Amino acid sequence: MVEVKDFKAGDCNTLWNINRNAFRKSLKKENYEDFKNIVENSIGKVLLLENEIIGAIFLKAQNEEGTFKVEKLFICPKYQNRGLGYFILTHLSEEDNSIKKLELDIDESSFKAKKFCEKMKKEI
């Protein structure tokens, strides 16, 4: 069963490795310091399966009340295409009623991310 927990700074290295593997083929590269800055300055939730971190989502509050931008959303490649991205997005909305609207940006350099974001924009 998948669990959702709050991000802790100690999770950063594990999440960095999962993020790099999830977007290995992406043209957009980022360094560890940029990644760390984003996750430490966002609202973060971590996905766990049998106490193993398998992904995460990081949100940033926007000017419009109740609107949050998805800064990062990534799942370990071996667990992708199982509905976990959809699960975490809908779980957040159900768990926290201060979240009224989620904004997703499409990363044009990643076909998988682009396809996922287009699908989610239709469903959320």
PDB file of N, CA and C in Angstrom:
ATOM      1  N   MET A   1       0.838  -1.189   0.000  1.00  0.00           N
ATOM      2  CA  MET A   1       0.000   0.000   0.000  1.00  0.00           C
ATOM      3  C   MET A   1       0.877   1.244   0.000  1.00  0.00           C
ATOM      4  N   VAL A   2       0.517   2.213  -0.815  1.00  0.00           N
ATOM      5  CA  VAL A   2       1.277   3.450  -0.936  1.00  0.00           C
ATOM      6  C   VAL A   2       0.883   4.402   0.189  1.00  0.00           C
ATOM      7  N   GLU A   3       1.881   4.993   0.802  1.00  0.00           N
ATOM      8  CA  GLU A   3       1.667   5.984   1.858  1.00  0.00           C
ATOM      9  C   GLU A   3       2.173   7.338   1.384  1.00  0.00           C
ATOM     10  N   VAL A   4       1.599   8.396   1.937  1.00  0.00           N
ATOM     11  CA  VAL A   4       2.038   9.756   1.650  1.00  0.00           C
ATOM     12  C   VAL A   4       2.493  10.378   2.964  1.00  0.00           C
ATOM     13  N   LYS A   5       3.713  10.884   2.969  1.00  0.00           N
ATOM     14  CA  LYS A   5       4.268  11.511   4.175  1.00  0.00           C
ATOM     15  C   LYS A   5       4.832  12.870   3.816  1.00  0.00           C
ATOM     16  N   ASP A   6       5.000  13.722   4.821  1.00  0.00           N
ATOM     17  CA  ASP A   6       5.623  15.021   4.610  1.00  0.00           C
ATOM     18  C   ASP A   6       7.098  14.859   4.270  1.00  0.00           C
ATOM     19  N   PHE A   7       7.592  15.728   3.398  1.00  0.00           N
ATOM     20  CA  PHE A   7       9.005  15.759   3.041  1.00  0.00           C
ATOM     21  C   PHE A   7       9.838  16.164   4.254  1.00  0.00           C
ATOM     22  N   LYS A   8      10.977  15.508   4.416  1.00  0.00           N
ATOM     23  CA  LYS A   8      11.960  15.861   5.442  1.00  0.00           C
ATOM     24  C   LYS A   8      13.287  16.098   4.743  1.00  0.00           C
ATOM     25  N   ALA A   9      14.072  17.054   5.237  1.00  0.00           N
ATOM     26  CA  ALA A   9      15.348  17.399   4.605  1.00  0.00           C
ATOM     27  C   ALA A   9      16.241  16.176   4.406  1.00  0.00           C
ATOM     28  N   GLY A  10      16.152  15.203   5.301  1.00  0.00           N
ATOM     29  CA  GLY A  10      16.954  13.991   5.183  1.00  0.00           C
ATOM     30  C   GLY A  10      16.596  13.135   3.972  1.00  0.00           C
ATOM     31  N   ASP A  11      15.460  13.417   3.340  1.00  0.00           N
ATOM     32  CA  ASP A  11      15.027  12.668   2.150  1.00  0.00           C
ATOM     33  C   ASP A  11      15.656  13.206   0.867  1.00  0.00           C
ATOM     34  N   CYS A  12      16.331  14.341   0.951  1.00  0.00           N
ATOM     35  CA  CYS A  12      16.772  15.066  -0.242  1.00  0.00           C
ATOM     36  C   CYS A  12      17.673  14.231  -1.163  1.00  0.00           C
ATOM     37  N   ASN A  13      18.678  13.564  -0.633  1.00  0.00           N
ATOM     38  CA  ASN A  13      19.591  12.793  -1.483  1.00  0.00           C
ATOM     39  C   ASN A  13      18.872  11.656  -2.194  1.00  0.00           C
ATOM     40  N   THR A  14      18.023  10.945  -1.485  1.00  0.00           N
ATOM     41  CA  THR A  14      17.260   9.851  -2.093  1.00  0.00           C
ATOM     42  C   THR A  14      16.364  10.389  -3.203  1.00  0.00           C
ATOM     43  N   LEU A  15      15.689  11.499  -2.927  1.00  0.00           N
ATOM     44  CA  LEU A  15      14.787  12.079  -3.918  1.00  0.00           C
ATOM     45  C   LEU A  15      15.547  12.606  -5.134  1.00  0.00           C
ATOM     46  N   TRP A  16      16.731  13.158  -4.911  1.00  0.00           N
ATOM     47  CA  TRP A  16      17.568  13.647  -6.016  1.00  0.00           C
ATOM     48  C   TRP A  16      17.875  12.488  -6.976  1.00  0.00           C
ATOM     49  N   ASN A  17      18.237  11.343  -6.423  1.00  0.00           N
ATOM     50  CA  ASN A  17      18.548  10.188  -7.268  1.00  0.00           C
ATOM     51  C   ASN A  17      17.321   9.685  -8.015  1.00  0.00           C
ATOM     52  N   ILE A  18      16.175   9.657  -7.355  1.00  0.00           N
ATOM     53  CA  ILE A  18      14.942   9.231  -8.030  1.00  0.00           C
ATOM     54  C   ILE A  18      14.587  10.220  -9.133  1.00  0.00           C
ATOM     55  N   ASN A  19      14.681  11.518  -8.844  1.00  0.00           N
ATOM     56  CA  ASN A  19      14.382  12.555  -9.836  1.00  0.00           C
ATOM     57  C   ASN A  19      15.293  12.414 -11.054  1.00  0.00           C
ATOM     58  N   ARG A  20      16.579  12.227 -10.834  1.00  0.00           N
ATOM     59  CA  ARG A  20      17.533  12.080 -11.953  1.00  0.00           C
ATOM     60  C   ARG A  20      17.190  10.858 -12.790  1.00  0.00           C
ATOM     61  N   ASN A  21      16.860   9.740 -12.138  1.00  0.00           N
ATOM     62  CA  ASN A  21      16.507   8.529 -12.882  1.00  0.00           C
ATOM     63  C   ASN A  21      15.186   8.680 -13.627  1.00  0.00           C
ATOM     64  N   ALA A  22      14.242   9.376 -13.016  1.00  0.00           N
ATOM     65  CA  ALA A  22      12.927   9.556 -13.649  1.00  0.00           C
ATOM     66  C   ALA A  22      13.020  10.401 -14.911  1.00  0.00           C
ATOM     67  N   PHE A  23      13.975  11.333 -14.927  1.00  0.00           N
ATOM     68  CA  PHE A  23      14.105  12.236 -16.076  1.00  0.00           C
ATOM     69  C   PHE A  23      15.449  12.091 -16.773  1.00  0.00           C
ATOM     70  N   ARG A  24      15.996  10.896 -16.735  1.00  0.00           N
ATOM     71  CA  ARG A  24      17.321  10.629 -17.313  1.00  0.00           C
ATOM     72  C   ARG A  24      17.401  11.038 -18.783  1.00  0.00           C
ATOM     73  N   LYS A  25      16.343  10.787 -19.535  1.00  0.00           N
ATOM     74  CA  LYS A  25      16.370  11.067 -20.976  1.00  0.00           C
ATOM     75  C   LYS A  25      15.962  12.493 -21.312  1.00  0.00           C
ATOM     76  N   SER A  26      15.567  13.245 -20.310  1.00  0.00           N
ATOM     77  CA  SER A  26      15.133  14.618 -20.532  1.00  0.00           C
ATOM     78  C   SER A  26      16.312  15.484 -20.947  1.00  0.00           C
ATOM     79  N   LEU A  27      16.065  16.416 -21.822  1.00  0.00           N
ATOM     80  CA  LEU A  27      17.125  17.338 -22.247  1.00  0.00           C
ATOM     81  C   LEU A  27      17.454  18.349 -21.156  1.00  0.00           C
ATOM     82  N   LYS A  28      16.485  18.637 -20.320  1.00  0.00           N
ATOM     83  CA  LYS A  28      16.682  19.636 -19.274  1.00  0.00           C
ATOM     84  C   LYS A  28      17.435  19.000 -18.108  1.00  0.00           C
ATOM     85  N   LYS A  29      18.587  19.538 -17.809  1.00  0.00           N
ATOM     86  CA  LYS A  29      19.386  19.018 -16.695  1.00  0.00           C
ATOM     87  C   LYS A  29      19.436  20.072 -15.601  1.00  0.00           C
ATOM     88  N   GLU A  30      19.436  19.618 -14.381  1.00  0.00           N
ATOM     89  CA  GLU A  30      19.581  20.532 -13.266  1.00  0.00           C
ATOM     90  C   GLU A  30      20.625  19.978 -12.318  1.00  0.00           C
ATOM     91  N   ASN A  31      21.219  20.844 -11.551  1.00  0.00           N
ATOM     92  CA  ASN A  31      22.214  20.367 -10.598  1.00  0.00           C
ATOM     93  C   ASN A  31      21.580  20.156  -9.227  1.00  0.00           C
ATOM     94  N   TYR A  32      22.323  19.524  -8.365  1.00  0.00           N
ATOM     95  CA  TYR A  32      21.812  19.171  -7.042  1.00  0.00           C
ATOM     96  C   TYR A  32      21.396  20.404  -6.243  1.00  0.00           C
ATOM     97  N   GLU A  33      22.171  21.466  -6.306  1.00  0.00           N
ATOM     98  CA  GLU A  33      21.854  22.666  -5.527  1.00  0.00           C
ATOM     99  C   GLU A  33      20.536  23.298  -5.972  1.00  0.00           C
ATOM    100  N   ASP A  34      20.281  23.324  -7.281  1.00  0.00           N
ATOM    101  CA  ASP A  34      19.003  23.846  -7.783  1.00  0.00           C
ATOM    102  C   ASP A  34      17.845  22.975  -7.309  1.00  0.00           C
ATOM    103  N   PHE A  35      18.028  21.663  -7.401  1.00  0.00           N
ATOM    104  CA  PHE A  35      17.010  20.720  -6.947  1.00  0.00           C
ATOM    105  C   PHE A  35      16.729  20.929  -5.453  1.00  0.00           C
ATOM    106  N   LYS A  36      17.785  20.974  -4.670  1.00  0.00           N
ATOM    107  CA  LYS A  36      17.653  21.133  -3.219  1.00  0.00           C
ATOM    108  C   LYS A  36      16.939  22.443  -2.874  1.00  0.00           C
ATOM    109  N   ASN A  37      17.261  23.504  -3.578  1.00  0.00           N
ATOM    110  CA  ASN A  37      16.615  24.800  -3.348  1.00  0.00           C
ATOM    111  C   ASN A  37      15.110  24.718  -3.611  1.00  0.00           C
ATOM    112  N   ILE A  38      14.724  24.050  -4.685  1.00  0.00           N
ATOM    113  CA  ILE A  38      13.303  23.911  -5.010  1.00  0.00           C
ATOM    114  C   ILE A  38      12.580  23.110  -3.928  1.00  0.00           C
ATOM    115  N   VAL A  39      13.125  21.947  -3.569  1.00  0.00           N
ATOM    116  CA  VAL A  39      12.401  21.089  -2.635  1.00  0.00           C
ATOM    117  C   VAL A  39      12.367  21.651  -1.219  1.00  0.00           C
ATOM    118  N   GLU A  40      13.401  22.374  -0.829  1.00  0.00           N
ATOM    119  CA  GLU A  40      13.413  22.943   0.520  1.00  0.00           C
ATOM    120  C   GLU A  40      12.553  24.193   0.644  1.00  0.00           C
ATOM    121  N   ASN A  41      12.167  24.778  -0.487  1.00  0.00           N
ATOM    122  CA  ASN A  41      11.342  25.982  -0.464  1.00  0.00           C
ATOM    123  C   ASN A  41       9.952  25.735  -1.035  1.00  0.00           C
ATOM    124  N   SER A  42       9.513  24.510  -0.942  1.00  0.00           N
ATOM    125  CA  SER A  42       8.198  24.114  -1.433  1.00  0.00           C
ATOM    126  C   SER A  42       7.514  23.263  -0.361  1.00  0.00           C
ATOM    127  N   ILE A  43       6.231  23.043  -0.570  1.00  0.00           N
ATOM    128  CA  ILE A  43       5.488  22.100   0.268  1.00  0.00           C
ATOM    129  C   ILE A  43       5.700  20.736  -0.362  1.00  0.00           C
ATOM    130  N   GLY A  44       6.277  19.808   0.381  1.00  0.00           N
ATOM    131  CA  GLY A  44       6.626  18.521  -0.203  1.00  0.00           C
ATOM    132  C   GLY A  44       5.938  17.344   0.442  1.00  0.00           C
ATOM    133  N   LYS A  45       5.553  16.416  -0.394  1.00  0.00           N
ATOM    134  CA  LYS A  45       4.995  15.138   0.044  1.00  0.00           C
ATOM    135  C   LYS A  45       5.778  14.032  -0.645  1.00  0.00           C
ATOM    136  N   VAL A  46       6.051  12.977   0.114  1.00  0.00           N
ATOM    137  CA  VAL A  46       6.843  11.857  -0.365  1.00  0.00           C
ATOM    138  C   VAL A  46       5.959  10.619  -0.439  1.00  0.00           C
ATOM    139  N   LEU A  47       6.097   9.861  -1.510  1.00  0.00           N
ATOM    140  CA  LEU A  47       5.373   8.600  -1.682  1.00  0.00           C
ATOM    141  C   LEU A  47       6.249   7.457  -1.197  1.00  0.00           C
ATOM    142  N   LEU A  48       5.680   6.604  -0.368  1.00  0.00           N
ATOM    143  CA  LEU A  48       6.403   5.439   0.130  1.00  0.00           C
ATOM    144  C   LEU A  48       5.632   4.168  -0.195  1.00  0.00           C
ATOM    145  N   LEU A  49       6.365   3.136  -0.537  1.00  0.00           N
ATOM    146  CA  LEU A  49       5.801   1.812  -0.749  1.00  0.00           C
ATOM    147  C   LEU A  49       6.648   0.853   0.074  1.00  0.00           C
ATOM    148  N   GLU A  50       6.020   0.210   1.053  1.00  0.00           N
ATOM    149  CA  GLU A  50       6.727  -0.675   1.980  1.00  0.00           C
ATOM    150  C   GLU A  50       7.946   0.025   2.587  1.00  0.00           C
ATOM    151  N   ASN A  51       7.735   1.255   3.058  1.00  0.00           N
ATOM    152  CA  ASN A  51       8.751   2.101   3.709  1.00  0.00           C
ATOM    153  C   ASN A  51       9.896   2.524   2.809  1.00  0.00           C
ATOM    154  N   GLU A  52       9.770   2.337   1.495  1.00  0.00           N
ATOM    155  CA  GLU A  52      10.775   2.781   0.541  1.00  0.00           C
ATOM    156  C   GLU A  52      10.231   4.002  -0.195  1.00  0.00           C
ATOM    157  N   ILE A  53      11.043   5.061  -0.276  1.00  0.00           N
ATOM    158  CA  ILE A  53      10.638   6.252  -1.017  1.00  0.00           C
ATOM    159  C   ILE A  53      10.637   5.918  -2.501  1.00  0.00           C
ATOM    160  N   ILE A  54       9.489   6.175  -3.165  1.00  0.00           N
ATOM    161  CA  ILE A  54       9.383   5.861  -4.592  1.00  0.00           C
ATOM    162  C   ILE A  54       9.044   7.086  -5.437  1.00  0.00           C
ATOM    163  N   GLY A  55       8.847   8.242  -4.792  1.00  0.00           N
ATOM    164  CA  GLY A  55       8.536   9.444  -5.549  1.00  0.00           C
ATOM    165  C   GLY A  55       8.160  10.576  -4.627  1.00  0.00           C
ATOM    166  N   ALA A  56       7.846  11.724  -5.246  1.00  0.00           N
ATOM    167  CA  ALA A  56       7.490  12.896  -4.446  1.00  0.00           C
ATOM    168  C   ALA A  56       6.801  13.942  -5.315  1.00  0.00           C
ATOM    169  N   ILE A  57       6.175  14.879  -4.609  1.00  0.00           N
ATOM    170  CA  ILE A  57       5.580  16.051  -5.250  1.00  0.00           C
ATOM    171  C   ILE A  57       5.924  17.264  -4.398  1.00  0.00           C
ATOM    172  N   PHE A  58       6.205  18.380  -5.068  1.00  0.00           N
ATOM    173  CA  PHE A  58       6.528  19.628  -4.378  1.00  0.00           C
ATOM    174  C   PHE A  58       5.687  20.747  -4.980  1.00  0.00           C
ATOM    175  N   LEU A  59       5.008  21.485  -4.111  1.00  0.00           N
ATOM    176  CA  LEU A  59       4.090  22.548  -4.523  1.00  0.00           C
ATOM    177  C   LEU A  59       4.560  23.896  -4.019  1.00  0.00           C
ATOM    178  N   LYS A  60       4.233  24.929  -4.774  1.00  0.00           N
ATOM    179  CA  LYS A  60       4.540  26.300  -4.380  1.00  0.00           C
ATOM    180  C   LYS A  60       3.238  27.097  -4.439  1.00  0.00           C
ATOM    181  N   ALA A  61       2.921  27.779  -3.327  1.00  0.00           N
ATOM    182  CA  ALA A  61       1.710  28.615  -3.289  1.00  0.00           C
ATOM    183  C   ALA A  61       1.847  29.754  -4.292  1.00  0.00           C
ATOM    184  N   GLN A  62       0.765  30.056  -4.980  1.00  0.00           N
ATOM    185  CA  GLN A  62       0.734  31.137  -5.954  1.00  0.00           C
ATOM    186  C   GLN A  62      -0.009  32.341  -5.360  1.00  0.00           C
ATOM    187  N   ASN A  63      -0.045  33.433  -6.091  1.00  0.00           N
ATOM    188  CA  ASN A  63      -0.691  34.654  -5.601  1.00  0.00           C
ATOM    189  C   ASN A  63      -2.179  34.467  -5.342  1.00  0.00           C
ATOM    190  N   GLU A  64      -2.837  33.726  -6.204  1.00  0.00           N
ATOM    191  CA  GLU A  64      -4.269  33.486  -6.044  1.00  0.00           C
ATOM    192  C   GLU A  64      -4.486  32.475  -4.920  1.00  0.00           C
ATOM    193  N   GLU A  65      -5.294  32.842  -3.939  1.00  0.00           N
ATOM    194  CA  GLU A  65      -5.514  31.977  -2.783  1.00  0.00           C
ATOM    195  C   GLU A  65      -6.045  30.608  -3.196  1.00  0.00           C
ATOM    196  N   GLY A  66      -5.434  29.569  -2.649  1.00  0.00           N
ATOM    197  CA  GLY A  66      -5.857  28.210  -2.944  1.00  0.00           C
ATOM    198  C   GLY A  66      -5.237  27.614  -4.191  1.00  0.00           C
ATOM    199  N   THR A  67      -4.403  28.394  -4.884  1.00  0.00           N
ATOM    200  CA  THR A  67      -3.752  27.926  -6.104  1.00  0.00           C
ATOM    201  C   THR A  67      -2.298  27.562  -5.802  1.00  0.00           C
ATOM    202  N   PHE A  68      -1.907  26.381  -6.238  1.00  0.00           N
ATOM    203  CA  PHE A  68      -0.550  25.900  -6.031  1.00  0.00           C
ATOM    204  C   PHE A  68       0.014  25.418  -7.364  1.00  0.00           C
ATOM    205  N   LYS A  69       1.272  25.713  -7.587  1.00  0.00           N
ATOM    206  CA  LYS A  69       1.969  25.247  -8.785  1.00  0.00           C
ATOM    207  C   LYS A  69       2.770  24.004  -8.414  1.00  0.00           C
ATOM    208  N   VAL A  70       2.679  22.990  -9.252  1.00  0.00           N
ATOM    209  CA  VAL A  70       3.477  21.784  -9.056  1.00  0.00           C
ATOM    210  C   VAL A  70       4.892  22.101  -9.542  1.00  0.00           C
ATOM    211  N   GLU A  71       5.808  22.213  -8.599  1.00  0.00           N
ATOM    212  CA  GLU A  71       7.207  22.504  -8.920  1.00  0.00           C
ATOM    213  C   GLU A  71       7.921  21.236  -9.389  1.00  0.00           C
ATOM    214  N   LYS A  72       7.651  20.151  -8.714  1.00  0.00           N
ATOM    215  CA  LYS A  72       8.279  18.863  -9.029  1.00  0.00           C
ATOM    216  C   LYS A  72       7.268  17.757  -8.772  1.00  0.00           C
ATOM    217  N   LEU A  73       7.264  16.786  -9.642  1.00  0.00           N
ATOM    218  CA  LEU A  73       6.484  15.569  -9.457  1.00  0.00           C
ATOM    219  C   LEU A  73       7.254  14.477 -10.183  1.00  0.00           C
ATOM    220  N   PHE A  74       7.691  13.473  -9.442  1.00  0.00           N
ATOM    221  CA  PHE A  74       8.452  12.410 -10.071  1.00  0.00           C
ATOM    222  C   PHE A  74       8.245  11.100  -9.323  1.00  0.00           C
ATOM    223  N   ILE A  75       8.300  10.028 -10.088  1.00  0.00           N
ATOM    224  CA  ILE A  75       8.110   8.675  -9.583  1.00  0.00           C
ATOM    225  C   ILE A  75       9.287   7.845 -10.084  1.00  0.00           C
ATOM    226  N   CYS A  76       9.787   6.973  -9.232  1.00  0.00           N
ATOM    227  CA  CYS A  76      10.856   6.046  -9.599  1.00  0.00           C
ATOM    228  C   CYS A  76      10.445   5.307 -10.879  1.00  0.00           C
ATOM    229  N   PRO A  77      11.324   5.221 -11.881  1.00  0.00           N
ATOM    230  CA  PRO A  77      10.944   4.598 -13.154  1.00  0.00           C
ATOM    231  C   PRO A  77      10.289   3.220 -13.032  1.00  0.00           C
ATOM    232  N   LYS A  78      10.721   2.407 -12.087  1.00  0.00           N
ATOM    233  CA  LYS A  78      10.120   1.071 -12.005  1.00  0.00           C
ATOM    234  C   LYS A  78       8.679   1.095 -11.503  1.00  0.00           C
ATOM    235  N   TYR A  79       8.220   2.240 -10.977  1.00  0.00           N
ATOM    236  CA  TYR A  79       6.839   2.368 -10.508  1.00  0.00           C
ATOM    237  C   TYR A  79       5.999   3.306 -11.370  1.00  0.00           C
ATOM    238  N   GLN A  80       6.567   3.793 -12.462  1.00  0.00           N
ATOM    239  CA  GLN A  80       5.811   4.677 -13.351  1.00  0.00           C
ATOM    240  C   GLN A  80       4.737   3.896 -14.107  1.00  0.00           C
ATOM    241  N   ASN A  81       3.779   4.622 -14.625  1.00  0.00           N
ATOM    242  CA  ASN A  81       2.665   4.049 -15.404  1.00  0.00           C
ATOM    243  C   ASN A  81       1.776   3.132 -14.573  1.00  0.00           C
ATOM    244  N   ARG A  82       1.649   3.435 -13.283  1.00  0.00           N
ATOM    245  CA  ARG A  82       0.772   2.677 -12.390  1.00  0.00           C
ATOM    246  C   ARG A  82      -0.257   3.581 -11.717  1.00  0.00           C
ATOM    247  N   GLY A  83      -0.373   4.812 -12.186  1.00  0.00           N
ATOM    248  CA  GLY A  83      -1.361   5.728 -11.635  1.00  0.00           C
ATOM    249  C   GLY A  83      -0.908   6.468 -10.383  1.00  0.00           C
ATOM    250  N   LEU A  84       0.370   6.394 -10.040  1.00  0.00           N
ATOM    251  CA  LEU A  84       0.845   7.028  -8.808  1.00  0.00           C
ATOM    252  C   LEU A  84       0.902   8.549  -8.909  1.00  0.00           C
ATOM    253  N   GLY A  85       1.204   9.082 -10.083  1.00  0.00           N
ATOM    254  CA  GLY A  85       1.179  10.535 -10.272  1.00  0.00           C
ATOM    255  C   GLY A  85      -0.233  11.070 -10.088  1.00  0.00           C
ATOM    256  N   TYR A  86      -1.181  10.404 -10.700  1.00  0.00           N
ATOM    257  CA  TYR A  86      -2.589  10.763 -10.536  1.00  0.00           C
ATOM    258  C   TYR A  86      -2.997  10.624  -9.072  1.00  0.00           C
ATOM    259  N   PHE A  87      -2.577   9.539  -8.429  1.00  0.00           N
ATOM    260  CA  PHE A  87      -2.906   9.294  -7.031  1.00  0.00           C
ATOM    261  C   PHE A  87      -2.440  10.448  -6.148  1.00  0.00           C
ATOM    262  N   ILE A  88      -1.198  10.863  -6.280  1.00  0.00           N
ATOM    263  CA  ILE A  88      -0.685  11.910  -5.391  1.00  0.00           C
ATOM    264  C   ILE A  88      -1.379  13.248  -5.661  1.00  0.00           C
ATOM    265  N   LEU A  89      -1.663  13.551  -6.897  1.00  0.00           N
ATOM    266  CA  LEU A  89      -2.360  14.810  -7.202  1.00  0.00           C
ATOM    267  C   LEU A  89      -3.761  14.831  -6.603  1.00  0.00           C
ATOM    268  N   THR A  90      -4.492  13.753  -6.747  1.00  0.00           N
ATOM    269  CA  THR A  90      -5.852  13.721  -6.208  1.00  0.00           C
ATOM    270  C   THR A  90      -5.834  13.580  -4.686  1.00  0.00           C
ATOM    271  N   HIS A  91      -4.860  12.854  -4.153  1.00  0.00           N
ATOM    272  CA  HIS A  91      -4.736  12.687  -2.704  1.00  0.00           C
ATOM    273  C   HIS A  91      -4.528  14.044  -2.027  1.00  0.00           C
ATOM    274  N   LEU A  92      -3.669  14.876  -2.614  1.00  0.00           N
ATOM    275  CA  LEU A  92      -3.405  16.194  -2.024  1.00  0.00           C
ATOM    276  C   LEU A  92      -4.670  17.039  -1.958  1.00  0.00           C
ATOM    277  N   SER A  93      -5.422  17.041  -3.029  1.00  0.00           N
ATOM    278  CA  SER A  93      -6.655  17.827  -3.070  1.00  0.00           C
ATOM    279  C   SER A  93      -7.680  17.339  -2.056  1.00  0.00           C
ATOM    280  N   GLU A  94      -7.726  16.036  -1.869  1.00  0.00           N
ATOM    281  CA  GLU A  94      -8.671  15.464  -0.902  1.00  0.00           C
ATOM    282  C   GLU A  94      -8.195  15.665   0.536  1.00  0.00           C
ATOM    283  N   GLU A  95      -6.896  15.598   0.760  1.00  0.00           N
ATOM    284  CA  GLU A  95      -6.331  15.692   2.104  1.00  0.00           C
ATOM    285  C   GLU A  95      -6.302  17.130   2.630  1.00  0.00           C
ATOM    286  N   ASP A  96      -6.042  18.071   1.745  1.00  0.00           N
ATOM    287  CA  ASP A  96      -5.855  19.464   2.162  1.00  0.00           C
ATOM    288  C   ASP A  96      -6.861  20.351   1.427  1.00  0.00           C
ATOM    289  N   ASN A  97      -7.913  20.775   2.130  1.00  0.00           N
ATOM    290  CA  ASN A  97      -8.946  21.567   1.450  1.00  0.00           C
ATOM    291  C   ASN A  97      -8.530  23.015   1.208  1.00  0.00           C
ATOM    292  N   SER A  98      -7.295  23.397   1.570  1.00  0.00           N
ATOM    293  CA  SER A  98      -6.807  24.727   1.190  1.00  0.00           C
ATOM    294  C   SER A  98      -6.344  24.717  -0.269  1.00  0.00           C
ATOM    295  N   ILE A  99      -6.175  23.524  -0.828  1.00  0.00           N
ATOM    296  CA  ILE A  99      -5.771  23.396  -2.232  1.00  0.00           C
ATOM    297  C   ILE A  99      -7.033  23.409  -3.089  1.00  0.00           C
ATOM    298  N   LYS A 100      -7.226  24.502  -3.782  1.00  0.00           N
ATOM    299  CA  LYS A 100      -8.407  24.656  -4.648  1.00  0.00           C
ATOM    300  C   LYS A 100      -8.069  24.383  -6.113  1.00  0.00           C
ATOM    301  N   LYS A 101      -6.829  24.704  -6.484  1.00  0.00           N
ATOM    302  CA  LYS A 101      -6.435  24.580  -7.886  1.00  0.00           C
ATOM    303  C   LYS A 101      -4.952  24.231  -7.951  1.00  0.00           C
ATOM    304  N   LEU A 102      -4.610  23.284  -8.823  1.00  0.00           N
ATOM    305  CA  LEU A 102      -3.226  22.913  -9.056  1.00  0.00           C
ATOM    306  C   LEU A 102      -2.838  23.320 -10.471  1.00  0.00           C
ATOM    307  N   GLU A 103      -1.681  23.953 -10.597  1.00  0.00           N
ATOM    308  CA  GLU A 103      -1.168  24.339 -11.912  1.00  0.00           C
ATOM    309  C   GLU A 103      -0.032  23.402 -12.287  1.00  0.00           C
ATOM    310  N   LEU A 104      -0.119  22.841 -13.484  1.00  0.00           N
ATOM    311  CA  LEU A 104       0.919  21.959 -14.008  1.00  0.00           C
ATOM    312  C   LEU A 104       1.585  22.634 -15.199  1.00  0.00           C
ATOM    313  N   ASP A 105       2.913  22.617 -15.231  1.00  0.00           N
ATOM    314  CA  ASP A 105       3.650  23.092 -16.399  1.00  0.00           C
ATOM    315  C   ASP A 105       4.121  21.887 -17.185  1.00  0.00           C
ATOM    316  N   ILE A 106       4.074  22.011 -18.476  1.00  0.00           N
ATOM    317  CA  ILE A 106       4.515  20.917 -19.330  1.00  0.00           C
ATOM    318  C   ILE A 106       5.981  21.129 -19.670  1.00  0.00           C
ATOM    319  N   ASP A 107       6.794  20.121 -19.354  1.00  0.00           N
ATOM    320  CA  ASP A 107       8.206  20.115 -19.717  1.00  0.00           C
ATOM    321  C   ASP A 107       8.295  19.571 -21.140  1.00  0.00           C
ATOM    322  N   GLU A 108       8.490  20.467 -22.088  1.00  0.00           N
ATOM    323  CA  GLU A 108       8.498  20.080 -23.500  1.00  0.00           C
ATOM    324  C   GLU A 108       9.632  19.117 -23.839  1.00  0.00           C
ATOM    325  N   SER A 109      10.678  19.072 -23.013  1.00  0.00           N
ATOM    326  CA  SER A 109      11.823  18.218 -23.321  1.00  0.00           C
ATOM    327  C   SER A 109      11.592  16.765 -22.908  1.00  0.00           C
ATOM    328  N   SER A 110      10.530  16.493 -22.185  1.00  0.00           N
ATOM    329  CA  SER A 110      10.256  15.120 -21.739  1.00  0.00           C
ATOM    330  C   SER A 110       8.898  14.691 -22.274  1.00  0.00           C
ATOM    331  N   PHE A 111       8.897  13.751 -23.194  1.00  0.00           N
ATOM    332  CA  PHE A 111       7.656  13.280 -23.790  1.00  0.00           C
ATOM    333  C   PHE A 111       6.721  12.708 -22.729  1.00  0.00           C
ATOM    334  N   LYS A 112       7.266  11.891 -21.793  1.00  0.00           N
ATOM    335  CA  LYS A 112       6.434  11.294 -20.752  1.00  0.00           C
ATOM    336  C   LYS A 112       5.802  12.361 -19.869  1.00  0.00           C
ATOM    337  N   ALA A 113       6.598  13.359 -19.485  1.00  0.00           N
ATOM    338  CA  ALA A 113       6.072  14.423 -18.628  1.00  0.00           C
ATOM    339  C   ALA A 113       5.009  15.220 -19.376  1.00  0.00           C
ATOM    340  N   LYS A 114       5.250  15.492 -20.634  1.00  0.00           N
ATOM    341  CA  LYS A 114       4.296  16.244 -21.443  1.00  0.00           C
ATOM    342  C   LYS A 114       2.976  15.491 -21.555  1.00  0.00           C
ATOM    343  N   LYS A 115       3.054  14.214 -21.846  1.00  0.00           N
ATOM    344  CA  LYS A 115       1.850  13.388 -21.987  1.00  0.00           C
ATOM    345  C   LYS A 115       1.078  13.331 -20.664  1.00  0.00           C
ATOM    346  N   PHE A 116       1.800  13.141 -19.543  1.00  0.00           N
ATOM    347  CA  PHE A 116       1.174  13.082 -18.229  1.00  0.00           C
ATOM    348  C   PHE A 116       0.479  14.408 -17.903  1.00  0.00           C
ATOM    349  N   CYS A 117       1.167  15.526 -18.101  1.00  0.00           N
ATOM    350  CA  CYS A 117       0.590  16.835 -17.769  1.00  0.00           C
ATOM    351  C   CYS A 117      -0.638  17.133 -18.609  1.00  0.00           C
ATOM    352  N   GLU A 118      -0.589  16.795 -19.879  1.00  0.00           N
ATOM    353  CA  GLU A 118      -1.758  17.024 -20.730  1.00  0.00           C
ATOM    354  C   GLU A 118      -2.947  16.208 -20.244  1.00  0.00           C
ATOM    355  N   LYS A 119      -2.711  14.973 -19.841  1.00  0.00           N
ATOM    356  CA  LYS A 119      -3.783  14.117 -19.333  1.00  0.00           C
ATOM    357  C   LYS A 119      -4.345  14.677 -18.027  1.00  0.00           C
ATOM    358  N   MET A 120      -3.461  15.097 -17.126  1.00  0.00           N
ATOM    359  CA  MET A 120      -3.901  15.605 -15.809  1.00  0.00           C
ATOM    360  C   MET A 120      -4.670  16.916 -15.947  1.00  0.00           C
ATOM    361  N   LYS A 121      -4.274  17.748 -16.883  1.00  0.00           N
ATOM    362  CA  LYS A 121      -4.983  19.020 -17.071  1.00  0.00           C
ATOM    363  C   LYS A 121      -6.435  18.782 -17.460  1.00  0.00           C
ATOM    364  N   LYS A 122      -6.695  17.672 -18.119  1.00  0.00           N
ATOM    365  CA  LYS A 122      -8.064  17.335 -18.511  1.00  0.00           C
ATOM    366  C   LYS A 122      -8.857  16.746 -17.339  1.00  0.00           C
ATOM    367  N   GLU A 123      -8.142  16.078 -16.418  1.00  0.00           N
ATOM    368  CA  GLU A 123      -8.841  15.346 -15.348  1.00  0.00           C
ATOM    369  C   GLU A 123      -8.954  16.108 -14.053  1.00  0.00           C
ATOM    370  N   ILE A 124      -8.086  17.056 -13.810  1.00  0.00           N
ATOM    371  CA  ILE A 124      -8.106  17.765 -12.509  1.00  0.00           C
ATOM    372  C   ILE A 124      -8.735  19.129 -12.688  1.00  0.00           C
TER     373      ILE A 124
END
